[in-house]
Amino acid sequence: MRSEYVEQKDGAYRISGTRVSLDSAVYAYRRGASPESIQRSFPSLTLEQVHGALAFYLSHQAETDKYLAEGESELEKLRQASRAYPDWYERLNQARKKAQYL
């Protein structure tokens, strides 16, 4: 019996049958989290799915690292664009600080 643990849909890699992104598991793994720890962080996943996703990452590491780097680049572009409106950005930061004290 063969099982596919990772699927690509709408340009994103997900752990098959779930809404959990491969990114989430890979970043946790890179931080040194064990498969058991990753599974506890995402209770909708089985330990088998976590191992399968990590095996996919390790066997497709160059492709996955490129995908992650592109996502990080896109996130940075969005961060830079949000700073094009400094008044709005400052109001957002003030609201966050205020919400922390509630």
PDB file of N, CA and C in Angstrom:
ATOM      1  N   MET A   1       0.850  -1.174   0.000  1.00  0.00           N
ATOM      2  CA  MET A   1       0.000   0.000   0.000  1.00  0.00           C
ATOM      3  C   MET A   1       0.895   1.237   0.000  1.00  0.00           C
ATOM      4  N   ARG A   2       0.586   2.185  -0.870  1.00  0.00           N
ATOM      5  CA  ARG A   2       1.368   3.412  -0.968  1.00  0.00           C
ATOM      6  C   ARG A   2       0.498   4.588  -0.551  1.00  0.00           C
ATOM      7  N   SER A   3       1.075   5.487   0.215  1.00  0.00           N
ATOM      8  CA  SER A   3       0.345   6.665   0.659  1.00  0.00           C
ATOM      9  C   SER A   3       1.150   7.911   0.314  1.00  0.00           C
ATOM     10  N   GLU A   4       0.479   8.922  -0.183  1.00  0.00           N
ATOM     11  CA  GLU A   4       1.109  10.203  -0.461  1.00  0.00           C
ATOM     12  C   GLU A   4       0.858  11.103   0.753  1.00  0.00           C
ATOM     13  N   TYR A   5       1.914  11.620   1.310  1.00  0.00           N
ATOM     14  CA  TYR A   5       1.787  12.409   2.533  1.00  0.00           C
ATOM     15  C   TYR A   5       1.730  13.907   2.294  1.00  0.00           C
ATOM     16  N   VAL A   6       2.134  14.349   1.104  1.00  0.00           N
ATOM     17  CA  VAL A   6       2.147  15.773   0.807  1.00  0.00           C
ATOM     18  C   VAL A   6       1.481  15.987  -0.545  1.00  0.00           C
ATOM     19  N   GLU A   7       0.658  17.030  -0.609  1.00  0.00           N
ATOM     20  CA  GLU A   7       0.017  17.383  -1.868  1.00  0.00           C
ATOM     21  C   GLU A   7       0.215  18.865  -2.135  1.00  0.00           C
ATOM     22  N   GLN A   8       0.263  19.201  -3.395  1.00  0.00           N
ATOM     23  CA  GLN A   8       0.363  20.602  -3.770  1.00  0.00           C
ATOM     24  C   GLN A   8      -0.969  21.013  -4.364  1.00  0.00           C
ATOM     25  N   LYS A   9      -1.561  22.047  -3.785  1.00  0.00           N
ATOM     26  CA  LYS A   9      -2.866  22.512  -4.233  1.00  0.00           C
ATOM     27  C   LYS A   9      -2.881  24.030  -4.181  1.00  0.00           C
ATOM     28  N   ASP A  10      -3.297  24.629  -5.266  1.00  0.00           N
ATOM     29  CA  ASP A  10      -3.365  26.095  -5.354  1.00  0.00           C
ATOM     30  C   ASP A  10      -2.029  26.741  -5.006  1.00  0.00           C
ATOM     31  N   GLY A  11      -0.946  26.111  -5.421  1.00  0.00           N
ATOM     32  CA  GLY A  11       0.383  26.679  -5.224  1.00  0.00           C
ATOM     33  C   GLY A  11       0.981  26.473  -3.844  1.00  0.00           C
ATOM     34  N   ALA A  12       0.277  25.762  -2.973  1.00  0.00           N
ATOM     35  CA  ALA A  12       0.778  25.545  -1.615  1.00  0.00           C
ATOM     36  C   ALA A  12       0.930  24.055  -1.344  1.00  0.00           C
ATOM     37  N   TYR A  13       1.952  23.709  -0.595  1.00  0.00           N
ATOM     38  CA  TYR A  13       2.152  22.328  -0.164  1.00  0.00           C
ATOM     39  C   TYR A  13       1.430  22.127   1.163  1.00  0.00           C
ATOM     40  N   ARG A  14       0.633  21.088   1.224  1.00  0.00           N
ATOM     41  CA  ARG A  14      -0.110  20.740   2.441  1.00  0.00           C
ATOM     42  C   ARG A  14       0.114  19.274   2.752  1.00  0.00           C
ATOM     43  N   ILE A  15      -0.004  18.953   4.025  1.00  0.00           N
ATOM     44  CA  ILE A  15       0.024  17.550   4.414  1.00  0.00           C
ATOM     45  C   ILE A  15      -1.314  16.965   3.974  1.00  0.00           C
ATOM     46  N   SER A  16      -1.251  15.923   3.181  1.00  0.00           N
ATOM     47  CA  SER A  16      -2.430  15.370   2.498  1.00  0.00           C
ATOM     48  C   SER A  16      -3.603  15.155   3.442  1.00  0.00           C
ATOM     49  N   GLY A  17      -4.766  15.602   2.968  1.00  0.00           N
ATOM     50  CA  GLY A  17      -5.992  15.408   3.725  1.00  0.00           C
ATOM     51  C   GLY A  17      -6.173  16.358   4.884  1.00  0.00           C
ATOM     52  N   THR A  18      -5.287  17.347   5.004  1.00  0.00           N
ATOM     53  CA  THR A  18      -5.379  18.300   6.115  1.00  0.00           C
ATOM     54  C   THR A  18      -5.219  19.724   5.580  1.00  0.00           C
ATOM     55  N   ARG A  19      -5.401  20.673   6.460  1.00  0.00           N
ATOM     56  CA  ARG A  19      -5.140  22.071   6.121  1.00  0.00           C
ATOM     57  C   ARG A  19      -3.771  22.507   6.626  1.00  0.00           C
ATOM     58  N   VAL A  20      -3.011  21.597   7.197  1.00  0.00           N
ATOM     59  CA  VAL A  20      -1.694  21.913   7.760  1.00  0.00           C
ATOM     60  C   VAL A  20      -0.682  22.040   6.623  1.00  0.00           C
ATOM     61  N   SER A  21       0.015  23.164   6.606  1.00  0.00           N
ATOM     62  CA  SER A  21       1.000  23.381   5.555  1.00  0.00           C
ATOM     63  C   SER A  21       2.272  22.586   5.833  1.00  0.00           C
ATOM     64  N   LEU A  22       2.906  22.181   4.756  1.00  0.00           N
ATOM     65  CA  LEU A  22       4.206  21.530   4.894  1.00  0.00           C
ATOM     66  C   LEU A  22       5.188  22.491   5.550  1.00  0.00           C
ATOM     67  N   ASP A  23       5.042  23.774   5.249  1.00  0.00           N
ATOM     68  CA  ASP A  23       5.903  24.810   5.828  1.00  0.00           C
ATOM     69  C   ASP A  23       5.958  24.691   7.357  1.00  0.00           C
ATOM     70  N   SER A  24       4.793  24.523   7.964  1.00  0.00           N
ATOM     71  CA  SER A  24       4.711  24.460   9.428  1.00  0.00           C
ATOM     72  C   SER A  24       5.552  23.328   9.990  1.00  0.00           C
ATOM     73  N   ALA A  25       5.436  22.162   9.390  1.00  0.00           N
ATOM     74  CA  ALA A  25       6.203  21.011   9.866  1.00  0.00           C
ATOM     75  C   ALA A  25       7.693  21.202   9.611  1.00  0.00           C
ATOM     76  N   VAL A  26       8.038  21.731   8.448  1.00  0.00           N
ATOM     77  CA  VAL A  26       9.457  21.907   8.103  1.00  0.00           C
ATOM     78  C   VAL A  26      10.112  22.939   9.005  1.00  0.00           C
ATOM     79  N   TYR A  27       9.456  24.071   9.229  1.00  0.00           N
ATOM     80  CA  TYR A  27      10.050  25.089  10.100  1.00  0.00           C
ATOM     81  C   TYR A  27      10.234  24.548  11.519  1.00  0.00           C
ATOM     82  N   ALA A  28       9.268  23.781  12.011  1.00  0.00           N
ATOM     83  CA  ALA A  28       9.412  23.187  13.347  1.00  0.00           C
ATOM     84  C   ALA A  28      10.581  22.205  13.363  1.00  0.00           C
ATOM     85  N   TYR A  29      10.681  21.393  12.328  1.00  0.00           N
ATOM     86  CA  TYR A  29      11.782  20.427  12.212  1.00  0.00           C
ATOM     87  C   TYR A  29      13.129  21.144  12.180  1.00  0.00           C
ATOM     88  N   ARG A  30      13.203  22.223  11.421  1.00  0.00           N
ATOM     89  CA  ARG A  30      14.457  22.996  11.345  1.00  0.00           C
ATOM     90  C   ARG A  30      14.841  23.598  12.700  1.00  0.00           C
ATOM     91  N   ARG A  31      13.838  23.915  13.517  1.00  0.00           N
ATOM     92  CA  ARG A  31      14.111  24.452  14.861  1.00  0.00           C
ATOM     93  C   ARG A  31      14.509  23.358  15.837  1.00  0.00           C
ATOM     94  N   GLY A  32      14.489  22.108  15.365  1.00  0.00           N
ATOM     95  CA  GLY A  32      14.915  21.003  16.217  1.00  0.00           C
ATOM     96  C   GLY A  32      13.787  20.224  16.870  1.00  0.00           C
ATOM     97  N   ALA A  33      12.551  20.513  16.483  1.00  0.00           N
ATOM     98  CA  ALA A  33      11.417  19.791  17.063  1.00  0.00           C
ATOM     99  C   ALA A  33      11.405  18.342  16.568  1.00  0.00           C
ATOM    100  N   SER A  34      11.064  17.451  17.442  1.00  0.00           N
ATOM    101  CA  SER A  34      10.953  16.034  17.081  1.00  0.00           C
ATOM    102  C   SER A  34       9.628  15.819  16.354  1.00  0.00           C
ATOM    103  N   PRO A  35       9.509  14.719  15.616  1.00  0.00           N
ATOM    104  CA  PRO A  35       8.215  14.410  14.990  1.00  0.00           C
ATOM    105  C   PRO A  35       7.078  14.332  16.016  1.00  0.00           C
ATOM    106  N   GLU A  36       7.355  13.787  17.177  1.00  0.00           N
ATOM    107  CA  GLU A  36       6.333  13.697  18.230  1.00  0.00           C
ATOM    108  C   GLU A  36       5.896  15.091  18.695  1.00  0.00           C
ATOM    109  N   SER A  37       6.841  15.982  18.818  1.00  0.00           N
ATOM    110  CA  SER A  37       6.524  17.351  19.218  1.00  0.00           C
ATOM    111  C   SER A  37       5.704  18.062  18.142  1.00  0.00           C
ATOM    112  N   ILE A  38       6.068  17.854  16.899  1.00  0.00           N
ATOM    113  CA  ILE A  38       5.314  18.456  15.795  1.00  0.00           C
ATOM    114  C   ILE A  38       3.886  17.920  15.797  1.00  0.00           C
ATOM    115  N   GLN A  39       3.735  16.635  16.010  1.00  0.00           N
ATOM    116  CA  GLN A  39       2.394  16.037  16.051  1.00  0.00           C
ATOM    117  C   GLN A  39       1.569  16.617  17.192  1.00  0.00           C
ATOM    118  N   ARG A  40       2.187  16.848  18.337  1.00  0.00           N
ATOM    119  CA  ARG A  40       1.451  17.458  19.460  1.00  0.00           C
ATOM    120  C   ARG A  40       1.024  18.882  19.128  1.00  0.00           C
ATOM    121  N   SER A  41       1.834  19.590  18.339  1.00  0.00           N
ATOM    122  CA  SER A  41       1.488  20.959  17.943  1.00  0.00           C
ATOM    123  C   SER A  41       0.342  21.000  16.941  1.00  0.00           C
ATOM    124  N   PHE A  42       0.172  19.920  16.209  1.00  0.00           N
ATOM    125  CA  PHE A  42      -0.882  19.821  15.202  1.00  0.00           C
ATOM    126  C   PHE A  42      -1.669  18.540  15.445  1.00  0.00           C
ATOM    127  N   PRO A  43      -2.592  18.562  16.410  1.00  0.00           N
ATOM    128  CA  PRO A  43      -3.292  17.337  16.802  1.00  0.00           C
ATOM    129  C   PRO A  43      -4.134  16.707  15.695  1.00  0.00           C
ATOM    130  N   SER A  44      -4.398  17.452  14.618  1.00  0.00           N
ATOM    131  CA  SER A  44      -5.148  16.845  13.515  1.00  0.00           C
ATOM    132  C   SER A  44      -4.273  15.891  12.697  1.00  0.00           C
ATOM    133  N   LEU A  45      -2.962  15.920  12.929  1.00  0.00           N
ATOM    134  CA  LEU A  45      -2.034  15.042  12.218  1.00  0.00           C
ATOM    135  C   LEU A  45      -1.751  13.790  13.024  1.00  0.00           C
ATOM    136  N   THR A  46      -1.529  12.696  12.325  1.00  0.00           N
ATOM    137  CA  THR A  46      -1.032  11.491  12.979  1.00  0.00           C
ATOM    138  C   THR A  46       0.490  11.536  12.944  1.00  0.00           C
ATOM    139  N   LEU A  47       1.099  10.752  13.779  1.00  0.00           N
ATOM    140  CA  LEU A  47       2.556  10.678  13.774  1.00  0.00           C
ATOM    141  C   LEU A  47       3.052  10.155  12.423  1.00  0.00           C
ATOM    142  N   GLU A  48       2.309   9.255  11.833  1.00  0.00           N
ATOM    143  CA  GLU A  48       2.666   8.743  10.509  1.00  0.00           C
ATOM    144  C   GLU A  48       2.680   9.872   9.475  1.00  0.00           C
ATOM    145  N   GLN A  49       1.690  10.753   9.520  1.00  0.00           N
ATOM    146  CA  GLN A  49       1.651  11.872   8.575  1.00  0.00           C
ATOM    147  C   GLN A  49       2.847  12.803   8.762  1.00  0.00           C
ATOM    148  N   VAL A  50       3.214  13.047  10.018  1.00  0.00           N
ATOM    149  CA  VAL A  50       4.371  13.912  10.287  1.00  0.00           C
ATOM    150  C   VAL A  50       5.640  13.277   9.718  1.00  0.00           C
ATOM    151  N   HIS A  51       5.849  12.005  10.015  1.00  0.00           N
ATOM    152  CA  HIS A  51       7.026  11.314   9.473  1.00  0.00           C
ATOM    153  C   HIS A  51       7.008  11.321   7.943  1.00  0.00           C
ATOM    154  N   GLY A  52       5.844  11.096   7.359  1.00  0.00           N
ATOM    155  CA  GLY A  52       5.725  11.104   5.905  1.00  0.00           C
ATOM    156  C   GLY A  52       6.043  12.464   5.316  1.00  0.00           C
ATOM    157  N   ALA A  53       5.558  13.529   5.963  1.00  0.00           N
ATOM    158  CA  ALA A  53       5.832  14.888   5.488  1.00  0.00           C
ATOM    159  C   ALA A  53       7.318  15.214   5.594  1.00  0.00           C
ATOM    160  N   LEU A  54       7.935  14.806   6.698  1.00  0.00           N
ATOM    161  CA  LEU A  54       9.373  15.054   6.861  1.00  0.00           C
ATOM    162  C   LEU A  54      10.190  14.233   5.874  1.00  0.00           C
ATOM    163  N   ALA A  55       9.745  13.009   5.596  1.00  0.00           N
ATOM    164  CA  ALA A  55      10.431  12.194   4.584  1.00  0.00           C
ATOM    165  C   ALA A  55      10.314  12.857   3.216  1.00  0.00           C
ATOM    166  N   PHE A  56       9.145  13.405   2.911  1.00  0.00           N
ATOM    167  CA  PHE A  56       8.970  14.134   1.655  1.00  0.00           C
ATOM    168  C   PHE A  56       9.945  15.306   1.603  1.00  0.00           C
ATOM    169  N   TYR A  57       9.997  16.080   2.681  1.00  0.00           N
ATOM    170  CA  TYR A  57      10.905  17.230   2.726  1.00  0.00           C
ATOM    171  C   TYR A  57      12.348  16.790   2.495  1.00  0.00           C
ATOM    172  N   LEU A  58      12.792  15.771   3.189  1.00  0.00           N
ATOM    173  CA  LEU A  58      14.179  15.332   3.073  1.00  0.00           C
ATOM    174  C   LEU A  58      14.502  14.779   1.687  1.00  0.00           C
ATOM    175  N   SER A  59      13.523  14.177   1.043  1.00  0.00           N
ATOM    176  CA  SER A  59      13.782  13.634  -0.293  1.00  0.00           C
ATOM    177  C   SER A  59      13.568  14.663  -1.408  1.00  0.00           C
ATOM    178  N   HIS A  60      12.980  15.799  -1.076  1.00  0.00           N
ATOM    179  CA  HIS A  60      12.756  16.887  -2.031  1.00  0.00           C
ATOM    180  C   HIS A  60      13.265  18.204  -1.438  1.00  0.00           C
ATOM    181  N   GLN A  61      14.370  18.134  -0.731  1.00  0.00           N
ATOM    182  CA  GLN A  61      14.824  19.280   0.049  1.00  0.00           C
ATOM    183  C   GLN A  61      15.123  20.508  -0.805  1.00  0.00           C
ATOM    184  N   ALA A  62      15.811  20.349  -1.915  1.00  0.00           N
ATOM    185  CA  ALA A  62      16.149  21.518  -2.746  1.00  0.00           C
ATOM    186  C   ALA A  62      14.886  22.200  -3.261  1.00  0.00           C
ATOM    187  N   GLU A  63      13.947  21.410  -3.746  1.00  0.00           N
ATOM    188  CA  GLU A  63      12.681  21.948  -4.256  1.00  0.00           C
ATOM    189  C   GLU A  63      11.893  22.637  -3.140  1.00  0.00           C
ATOM    190  N   THR A  64      11.824  22.000  -1.975  1.00  0.00           N
ATOM    191  CA  THR A  64      11.068  22.552  -0.853  1.00  0.00           C
ATOM    192  C   THR A  64      11.735  23.808  -0.317  1.00  0.00           C
ATOM    193  N   ASP A  65      13.061  23.808  -0.203  1.00  0.00           N
ATOM    194  CA  ASP A  65      13.766  24.994   0.280  1.00  0.00           C
ATOM    195  C   ASP A  65      13.553  26.177  -0.663  1.00  0.00           C
ATOM    196  N   LYS A  66      13.524  25.907  -1.958  1.00  0.00           N
ATOM    197  CA  LYS A  66      13.257  26.972  -2.939  1.00  0.00           C
ATOM    198  C   LYS A  66      11.852  27.523  -2.732  1.00  0.00           C
ATOM    199  N   TYR A  67      10.887  26.640  -2.561  1.00  0.00           N
ATOM    200  CA  TYR A  67       9.490  27.034  -2.317  1.00  0.00           C
ATOM    201  C   TYR A  67       9.384  27.892  -1.048  1.00  0.00           C
ATOM    202  N   LEU A  68      10.063  27.476   0.018  1.00  0.00           N
ATOM    203  CA  LEU A  68      10.025  28.233   1.271  1.00  0.00           C
ATOM    204  C   LEU A  68      10.684  29.596   1.110  1.00  0.00           C
ATOM    205  N   ALA A  69      11.805  29.650   0.399  1.00  0.00           N
ATOM    206  CA  ALA A  69      12.505  30.915   0.179  1.00  0.00           C
ATOM    207  C   ALA A  69      11.627  31.879  -0.623  1.00  0.00           C
ATOM    208  N   GLU A  70      10.923  31.369  -1.619  1.00  0.00           N
ATOM    209  CA  GLU A  70      10.019  32.213  -2.401  1.00  0.00           C
ATOM    210  C   GLU A  70       8.905  32.765  -1.516  1.00  0.00           C
ATOM    211  N   GLY A  71       8.390  31.939  -0.619  1.00  0.00           N
ATOM    212  CA  GLY A  71       7.356  32.398   0.312  1.00  0.00           C
ATOM    213  C   GLY A  71       7.876  33.461   1.259  1.00  0.00           C
ATOM    214  N   GLU A  72       9.094  33.292   1.746  1.00  0.00           N
ATOM    215  CA  GLU A  72       9.698  34.291   2.635  1.00  0.00           C
ATOM    216  C   GLU A  72       9.919  35.603   1.894  1.00  0.00           C
ATOM    217  N   SER A  73      10.336  35.510   0.632  1.00  0.00           N
ATOM    218  CA  SER A  73      10.541  36.708  -0.187  1.00  0.00           C
ATOM    219  C   SER A  73       9.226  37.456  -0.398  1.00  0.00           C
ATOM    220  N   GLU A  74       8.173  36.711  -0.693  1.00  0.00           N
ATOM    221  CA  GLU A  74       6.858  37.327  -0.887  1.00  0.00           C
ATOM    222  C   GLU A  74       6.369  37.990   0.399  1.00  0.00           C
ATOM    223  N   LEU A  75       6.597  37.351   1.537  1.00  0.00           N
ATOM    224  CA  LEU A  75       6.216  37.923   2.823  1.00  0.00           C
ATOM    225  C   LEU A  75       6.973  39.228   3.072  1.00  0.00           C
ATOM    226  N   GLU A  76       8.247  39.250   2.748  1.00  0.00           N
ATOM    227  CA  GLU A  76       9.033  40.474   2.942  1.00  0.00           C
ATOM    228  C   GLU A  76       8.523  41.596   2.048  1.00  0.00           C
ATOM    229  N   LYS A  77       8.140  41.272   0.810  1.00  0.00           N
ATOM    230  CA  LYS A  77       7.559  42.295  -0.080  1.00  0.00           C
ATOM    231  C   LYS A  77       6.286  42.877   0.521  1.00  0.00           C
ATOM    232  N   LEU A  78       5.468  42.004   1.101  1.00  0.00           N
ATOM    233  CA  LEU A  78       4.231  42.476   1.733  1.00  0.00           C
ATOM    234  C   LEU A  78       4.526  43.351   2.943  1.00  0.00           C
ATOM    235  N   ARG A  79       5.547  42.973   3.704  1.00  0.00           N
ATOM    236  CA  ARG A  79       5.937  43.799   4.865  1.00  0.00           C
ATOM    237  C   ARG A  79       6.389  45.181   4.414  1.00  0.00           C
ATOM    238  N   GLN A  80       7.200  45.213   3.358  1.00  0.00           N
ATOM    239  CA  GLN A  80       7.684  46.491   2.842  1.00  0.00           C
ATOM    240  C   GLN A  80       6.531  47.340   2.323  1.00  0.00           C
ATOM    241  N   ALA A  81       5.600  46.713   1.634  1.00  0.00           N
ATOM    242  CA  ALA A  81       4.449  47.442   1.097  1.00  0.00           C
ATOM    243  C   ALA A  81       3.601  48.019   2.225  1.00  0.00           C
ATOM    244  N   SER A  82       3.478  47.291   3.319  1.00  0.00           N
ATOM    245  CA  SER A  82       2.661  47.789   4.434  1.00  0.00           C
ATOM    246  C   SER A  82       3.293  49.010   5.084  1.00  0.00           C
ATOM    247  N   ARG A  83       4.593  49.133   4.959  1.00  0.00           N
ATOM    248  CA  ARG A  83       5.276  50.298   5.526  1.00  0.00           C
ATOM    249  C   ARG A  83       5.165  51.526   4.620  1.00  0.00           C
ATOM    250  N   ALA A  84       4.543  51.363   3.477  1.00  0.00           N
ATOM    251  CA  ALA A  84       4.310  52.502   2.581  1.00  0.00           C
ATOM    252  C   ALA A  84       3.249  53.425   3.166  1.00  0.00           C
ATOM    253  N   TYR A  85       2.537  52.943   4.160  1.00  0.00           N
ATOM    254  CA  TYR A  85       1.501  53.732   4.832  1.00  0.00           C
ATOM    255  C   TYR A  85       1.872  53.857   6.306  1.00  0.00           C
ATOM    256  N   PRO A  86       2.848  54.706   6.646  1.00  0.00           N
ATOM    257  CA  PRO A  86       3.355  54.754   8.025  1.00  0.00           C
ATOM    258  C   PRO A  86       2.301  55.135   9.065  1.00  0.00           C
ATOM    259  N   ASP A  87       1.341  55.994   8.707  1.00  0.00           N
ATOM    260  CA  ASP A  87       0.306  56.364   9.679  1.00  0.00           C
ATOM    261  C   ASP A  87      -0.549  55.158  10.053  1.00  0.00           C
ATOM    262  N   TRP A  88      -0.945  54.391   9.047  1.00  0.00           N
ATOM    263  CA  TRP A  88      -1.752  53.206   9.298  1.00  0.00           C
ATOM    264  C   TRP A  88      -0.963  52.198  10.116  1.00  0.00           C
ATOM    265  N   TYR A  89       0.303  51.999   9.766  1.00  0.00           N
ATOM    266  CA  TYR A  89       1.163  51.043  10.467  1.00  0.00           C
ATOM    267  C   TYR A  89       1.324  51.449  11.936  1.00  0.00           C
ATOM    268  N   GLU A  90       1.488  52.736  12.199  1.00  0.00           N
ATOM    269  CA  GLU A  90       1.629  53.217  13.581  1.00  0.00           C
ATOM    270  C   GLU A  90       0.334  53.008  14.364  1.00  0.00           C
ATOM    271  N   ARG A  91      -0.820  53.269  13.736  1.00  0.00           N
ATOM    272  CA  ARG A  91      -2.104  53.040  14.418  1.00  0.00           C
ATOM    273  C   ARG A  91      -2.284  51.558  14.744  1.00  0.00           C
ATOM    274  N   LEU A  92      -1.870  50.688  13.831  1.00  0.00           N
ATOM    275  CA  LEU A  92      -1.950  49.245  14.069  1.00  0.00           C
ATOM    276  C   LEU A  92      -1.083  48.847  15.255  1.00  0.00           C
ATOM    277  N   ASN A  93       0.138  49.352  15.319  1.00  0.00           N
ATOM    278  CA  ASN A  93       1.023  49.044  16.449  1.00  0.00           C
ATOM    279  C   ASN A  93       0.447  49.552  17.765  1.00  0.00           C
ATOM    280  N   GLN A  94      -0.129  50.734  17.755  1.00  0.00           N
ATOM    281  CA  GLN A  94      -0.735  51.278  18.976  1.00  0.00           C
ATOM    282  C   GLN A  94      -1.917  50.427  19.422  1.00  0.00           C
ATOM    283  N   ALA A  95      -2.727  49.984  18.470  1.00  0.00           N
ATOM    284  CA  ALA A  95      -3.871  49.133  18.803  1.00  0.00           C
ATOM    285  C   ALA A  95      -3.408  47.799  19.380  1.00  0.00           C
ATOM    286  N   ARG A  96      -2.341  47.245  18.846  1.00  0.00           N
ATOM    287  CA  ARG A  96      -1.800  45.985  19.378  1.00  0.00           C
ATOM    288  C   ARG A  96      -1.326  46.175  20.817  1.00  0.00           C
ATOM    289  N   LYS A  97      -0.609  47.259  21.053  1.00  0.00           N
ATOM    290  CA  LYS A  97      -0.108  47.520  22.410  1.00  0.00           C
ATOM    291  C   LYS A  97      -1.272  47.696  23.376  1.00  0.00           C
ATOM    292  N   LYS A  98      -2.284  48.429  22.945  1.00  0.00           N
ATOM    293  CA  LYS A  98      -3.442  48.652  23.792  1.00  0.00           C
ATOM    294  C   LYS A  98      -4.167  47.330  24.081  1.00  0.00           C
ATOM    295  N   ALA A  99      -4.281  46.471  23.075  1.00  0.00           N
ATOM    296  CA  ALA A  99      -4.964  45.185  23.241  1.00  0.00           C
ATOM    297  C   ALA A  99      -4.235  44.270  24.210  1.00  0.00           C
ATOM    298  N   GLN A 100      -2.919  44.421  24.340  1.00  0.00           N
ATOM    299  CA  GLN A 100      -2.149  43.585  25.262  1.00  0.00           C
ATOM    300  C   GLN A 100      -2.514  43.867  26.707  1.00  0.00           C
ATOM    301  N   TYR A 101      -2.977  45.069  26.986  1.00  0.00           N
ATOM    302  CA  TYR A 101      -3.280  45.467  28.357  1.00  0.00           C
ATOM    303  C   TYR A 101      -4.725  45.216  28.734  1.00  0.00           C
ATOM    304  N   LEU A 102      -5.513  44.769  27.783  1.00  0.00           N
ATOM    305  CA  LEU A 102      -6.939  44.508  28.088  1.00  0.00           C
ATOM    306  C   LEU A 102      -7.130  43.161  28.720  1.00  0.00           C
TER     307      LEU A 102
END
